[in-house]
Amino acid sequence: MMNIIELHRDTTIDLYSTAHNLIVHQGENAIEMLTAEANALRRNDQAEEDLYACIELMRVVNELIDMEIAGPIH
């Protein structure tokens, strides 16, 4: 599995760019992959910072998917 936590949490561009890349490369599996990663982080009692980054990334992926379903905004 790719390391999805390699992002700079302080920059919105990196967060949205990472989310977009996940969707491009993983398609509909992006949400399932992030959910599995978050569950693994919880089970292994990993750093909360990584867990929160994963959850935030999941939120942005969902947001981008919702925007795509809604159609063009222009």
C-alpha atoms as a PDB file:
ATOM      1  CA  MET A   1       0.000   0.000   0.000  1.00  0.00           C
ATOM      2  CA  MET A   2       1.252   3.479  -0.761  1.00  0.00           C
ATOM      3  CA  ASN A   3       2.107   5.826   2.070  1.00  0.00           C
ATOM      4  CA  ILE A   4      -0.881   8.177   2.080  1.00  0.00           C
ATOM      5  CA  ILE A   5       0.292  10.222   5.027  1.00  0.00           C
ATOM      6  CA  GLU A   6       3.092  11.943   3.121  1.00  0.00           C
ATOM      7  CA  LEU A   7       1.507  15.361   2.927  1.00  0.00           C
ATOM      8  CA  HIS A   8       2.025  18.719   4.528  1.00  0.00           C
ATOM      9  CA  ARG A   9      -0.993  19.142   6.733  1.00  0.00           C
ATOM     10  CA  ASP A  10      -0.619  22.926   6.822  1.00  0.00           C
ATOM     11  CA  THR A  11      -1.167  23.368   3.098  1.00  0.00           C
ATOM     12  CA  THR A  12      -4.592  22.941   1.582  1.00  0.00           C
ATOM     13  CA  ILE A  13      -3.123  22.520  -1.887  1.00  0.00           C
ATOM     14  CA  ASP A  14      -1.165  19.435  -0.840  1.00  0.00           C
ATOM     15  CA  LEU A  15      -4.234  17.957   0.816  1.00  0.00           C
ATOM     16  CA  TYR A  16      -6.459  18.437  -2.228  1.00  0.00           C
ATOM     17  CA  SER A  17      -3.675  17.411  -4.601  1.00  0.00           C
ATOM     18  CA  THR A  18      -3.074  14.213  -2.638  1.00  0.00           C
ATOM     19  CA  ALA A  19      -6.818  13.486  -2.549  1.00  0.00           C
ATOM     20  CA  HIS A  20      -7.082  14.064  -6.293  1.00  0.00           C
ATOM     21  CA  ASN A  21      -4.132  11.757  -6.972  1.00  0.00           C
ATOM     22  CA  LEU A  22      -5.704   9.053  -4.810  1.00  0.00           C
ATOM     23  CA  ILE A  23      -8.910   9.259  -6.821  1.00  0.00           C
ATOM     24  CA  VAL A  24      -7.011   9.217 -10.122  1.00  0.00           C
ATOM     25  CA  HIS A  25      -4.903   6.198  -9.160  1.00  0.00           C
ATOM     26  CA  GLN A  26      -7.297   4.251  -6.931  1.00  0.00           C
ATOM     27  CA  GLY A  27     -10.662   5.228  -8.390  1.00  0.00           C
ATOM     28  CA  GLU A  28     -13.572   4.068  -6.313  1.00  0.00           C
ATOM     29  CA  ASN A  29     -11.176   2.109  -4.102  1.00  0.00           C
ATOM     30  CA  ALA A  30      -9.728   5.325  -2.640  1.00  0.00           C
ATOM     31  CA  ILE A  31     -12.319   5.507   0.158  1.00  0.00           C
ATOM     32  CA  GLU A  32     -11.940   1.839   1.033  1.00  0.00           C
ATOM     33  CA  MET A  33      -8.152   2.196   1.070  1.00  0.00           C
ATOM     34  CA  LEU A  34      -8.316   5.237   3.369  1.00  0.00           C
ATOM     35  CA  THR A  35     -10.816   3.507   5.652  1.00  0.00           C
ATOM     36  CA  ALA A  36      -8.542   0.469   5.918  1.00  0.00           C
ATOM     37  CA  GLU A  37      -5.554   2.711   6.620  1.00  0.00           C
ATOM     38  CA  ALA A  38      -7.440   4.617   9.343  1.00  0.00           C
ATOM     39  CA  ASN A  39      -8.556   1.347  10.944  1.00  0.00           C
ATOM     40  CA  ALA A  40      -4.987   0.021  10.855  1.00  0.00           C
ATOM     41  CA  LEU A  41      -3.716   3.215  12.470  1.00  0.00           C
ATOM     42  CA  ARG A  42      -6.356   2.904  15.204  1.00  0.00           C
ATOM     43  CA  ARG A  43      -5.607  -0.784  15.830  1.00  0.00           C
ATOM     44  CA  ASN A  44      -1.863  -0.263  15.955  1.00  0.00           C
ATOM     45  CA  ASP A  45      -2.232   2.771  18.201  1.00  0.00           C
ATOM     46  CA  GLN A  46      -0.178   4.841  15.747  1.00  0.00           C
ATOM     47  CA  ALA A  47       0.476   8.544  16.124  1.00  0.00           C
ATOM     48  CA  GLU A  48      -2.753  10.522  16.335  1.00  0.00           C
ATOM     49  CA  GLU A  49      -1.328  13.015  13.859  1.00  0.00           C
ATOM     50  CA  ASP A  50      -1.200  10.346  11.141  1.00  0.00           C
ATOM     51  CA  LEU A  51      -4.709   9.162  11.969  1.00  0.00           C
ATOM     52  CA  TYR A  52      -6.115  12.689  11.802  1.00  0.00           C
ATOM     53  CA  ALA A  53      -4.307  13.306   8.506  1.00  0.00           C
ATOM     54  CA  CYS A  54      -5.834  10.116   7.092  1.00  0.00           C
ATOM     55  CA  ILE A  55      -9.313  11.092   8.264  1.00  0.00           C
ATOM     56  CA  GLU A  56      -8.925  14.591   6.820  1.00  0.00           C
ATOM     57  CA  LEU A  57      -7.756  13.108   3.542  1.00  0.00           C
ATOM     58  CA  MET A  58     -10.813  10.845   3.543  1.00  0.00           C
ATOM     59  CA  ARG A  59     -13.029  13.902   4.029  1.00  0.00           C
ATOM     60  CA  VAL A  60     -11.434  15.697   1.084  1.00  0.00           C
ATOM     61  CA  VAL A  61     -11.667  12.620  -1.170  1.00  0.00           C
ATOM     62  CA  ASN A  62     -15.388  12.409  -0.363  1.00  0.00           C
ATOM     63  CA  GLU A  63     -15.748  16.129  -1.050  1.00  0.00           C
ATOM     64  CA  LEU A  64     -14.059  15.812  -4.453  1.00  0.00           C
ATOM     65  CA  ILE A  65     -16.188  12.792  -5.350  1.00  0.00           C
ATOM     66  CA  ASP A  66     -19.355  14.700  -4.379  1.00  0.00           C
ATOM     67  CA  MET A  67     -18.239  17.644  -6.530  1.00  0.00           C
ATOM     68  CA  GLU A  68     -17.638  15.338  -9.489  1.00  0.00           C
ATOM     69  CA  ILE A  69     -21.074  13.734  -9.110  1.00  0.00           C
ATOM     70  CA  ALA A  70     -22.745  17.144  -8.880  1.00  0.00           C
ATOM     71  CA  GLY A  71     -21.299  18.125 -12.251  1.00  0.00           C
ATOM     72  CA  PRO A  72     -19.501  21.191 -13.561  1.00  0.00           C
ATOM     73  CA  ILE A  73     -19.647  24.319 -11.443  1.00  0.00           C
ATOM     74  CA  HIS A  74     -19.225  26.778 -14.300  1.00  0.00           C
END
